[in-house]
């Protein structure tokens, strides 16, 4: 069976995307990047991407799912080549309560992925 690989963003509601984007922009701003209007303006987004490229840096998101609670954790990491040079604060999304509950082990399943082109 062939199909599209499920991304962490597929598990979150659309409203969460703005919160995640805001976290990324806040992180880049704290690192000295001009993020003004980057979310609304394609030209400003292009300037931001160019500034990252000029500095030899790449923004990636990282995500983990807590097996016990099924909470989704997301944070950003800034890389210069293969070296991680900075890590943002994280944000945690809790699932709506459902019947059954978790498996009680408390393990984390972690996956790191590169941000897509439509995100910084």
Protein backbone atom coordinates (compact mmCIF):
# COMPACT_ATOMS: atom_id res chain seq x y z
CA UNK A 1 0.00 0.00 0.00
CA UNK A 2 1.45 3.37 -0.96
CA UNK A 3 0.42 6.59 0.61
CA UNK A 4 1.56 9.89 1.95
CA UNK A 5 3.59 9.84 5.15
CA UNK A 6 1.69 11.43 8.03
CA UNK A 7 3.34 14.61 9.25
CA UNK A 8 3.04 15.90 12.81
CA UNK A 9 1.10 18.89 11.45
CA UNK A 10 -1.58 16.50 10.14
CA UNK A 11 -2.41 15.68 13.76
CA UNK A 12 -3.06 19.28 14.78
CA UNK A 13 -6.03 21.56 14.08
CA UNK A 14 -5.59 24.48 11.68
CA UNK A 15 -5.71 26.96 14.59
CA UNK A 16 -2.49 25.44 15.94
CA UNK A 17 -0.55 26.41 12.82
CA UNK A 18 -0.64 30.13 13.65
CA UNK A 19 0.59 29.44 17.17
CA UNK A 20 3.44 27.32 15.80
CA UNK A 21 4.35 29.95 13.21
CA UNK A 22 4.34 32.64 15.91
CA UNK A 23 6.71 30.52 18.01
CA UNK A 24 9.09 30.23 15.04
CA UNK A 25 8.99 33.95 14.25
CA UNK A 26 9.51 34.87 17.91
CA UNK A 27 12.49 32.53 18.06
CA UNK A 28 14.06 33.98 14.90
CA UNK A 29 13.45 37.51 16.18
CA UNK A 30 15.25 36.62 19.43
CA UNK A 31 18.20 35.54 17.26
CA UNK A 32 18.35 38.95 15.55
CA UNK A 33 16.30 38.27 12.42
CA UNK A 34 13.75 40.77 11.14
CA UNK A 35 10.44 38.89 11.14
CA UNK A 36 8.21 41.94 10.71
CA UNK A 37 5.26 41.06 8.45
CA UNK A 38 6.94 37.83 7.28
CA UNK A 39 3.74 35.90 7.96
CA UNK A 40 1.65 38.24 5.78
CA UNK A 41 4.09 39.28 3.06
CA UNK A 42 5.69 36.96 0.54
CA UNK A 43 8.46 39.52 -0.11
CA UNK A 44 9.22 39.81 3.61
CA UNK A 45 9.26 36.00 3.89
CA UNK A 46 11.71 35.88 0.98
CA UNK A 47 13.95 38.44 2.73
CA UNK A 48 13.84 36.39 5.93
CA UNK A 49 14.77 33.19 4.08
CA UNK A 50 17.60 35.03 2.32
CA UNK A 51 18.92 36.36 5.64
CA UNK A 52 18.97 32.82 7.03
CA UNK A 53 20.78 31.57 3.92
CA UNK A 54 23.34 34.41 4.04
CA UNK A 55 24.11 33.49 7.64
CA UNK A 56 24.41 29.84 6.68
CA UNK A 57 21.54 28.96 9.00
CA UNK A 58 18.48 26.78 8.61
CA UNK A 59 15.38 26.70 10.80
CA UNK A 60 13.98 23.25 11.51
CA UNK A 61 11.12 22.13 13.65
CA UNK A 62 11.32 19.24 16.05
CA UNK A 63 8.38 17.31 17.44
CA UNK A 64 7.67 14.60 19.94
CA UNK A 65 4.55 12.77 20.99
CA UNK A 66 4.23 11.75 24.60
CA UNK A 67 2.99 8.18 24.46
CA UNK A 68 1.17 8.34 27.78
CA UNK A 69 -0.79 11.53 27.23
CA UNK A 70 -0.59 11.73 23.41
CA UNK A 71 0.44 15.38 23.85
CA UNK A 72 2.28 16.82 20.86
CA UNK A 73 5.39 18.85 21.67
CA UNK A 74 6.83 21.20 19.06
CA UNK A 75 9.90 23.43 19.15
CA UNK A 76 12.35 24.96 16.70
CA UNK A 77 16.05 24.47 16.25
CA UNK A 78 18.46 26.68 14.34
CA UNK A 79 21.26 24.89 12.52
CA UNK A 80 24.47 26.14 10.98
CA UNK A 81 25.47 23.27 8.75
CA UNK A 82 25.05 20.13 10.86
CA UNK A 83 25.57 22.00 14.13
CA UNK A 84 22.52 22.98 16.20
CA UNK A 85 23.26 26.51 17.39
CA UNK A 86 20.02 27.35 19.20
CA UNK A 87 16.78 25.80 20.43
CA UNK A 88 13.50 27.64 20.95
CA UNK A 89 11.04 27.30 23.76
CA UNK A 90 8.53 24.57 23.09
CA UNK A 91 4.80 24.42 22.88
CA UNK A 92 2.62 21.52 23.97
CA UNK A 93 -0.71 20.60 22.43
CA UNK A 94 -2.92 18.35 24.52
CA UNK A 95 -5.47 16.11 22.80
CA UNK A 96 -9.12 16.37 23.66
CA UNK A 97 -10.03 13.77 26.29
CA UNK A 98 -11.35 10.53 24.84
CA UNK A 99 -12.36 7.17 26.19
CA UNK A 100 -9.60 4.66 26.86
CA UNK A 101 -6.60 6.78 27.80
CA UNK A 102 -2.89 6.21 27.31
CA UNK A 103 -0.77 3.12 27.63
CA UNK A 104 0.70 4.20 30.99
CA UNK A 105 4.34 3.78 30.00
CA UNK A 106 5.31 7.45 29.83
CA UNK A 107 7.70 6.91 26.90
CA UNK A 108 8.20 9.56 24.26
CA UNK A 109 8.26 8.96 20.56
CA UNK A 110 10.45 11.63 19.03
CA UNK A 111 10.84 12.70 15.45
CA UNK A 112 12.73 15.65 14.02
CA UNK A 113 11.83 17.04 10.64
CA UNK A 114 12.75 19.97 8.47
CA UNK A 115 10.20 22.74 8.20
CA UNK A 116 8.40 22.82 4.88
CA UNK A 117 8.99 25.55 2.31
CA UNK A 118 5.80 27.40 3.19
CA UNK A 119 7.01 27.85 6.74
CA UNK A 120 10.19 29.62 7.80
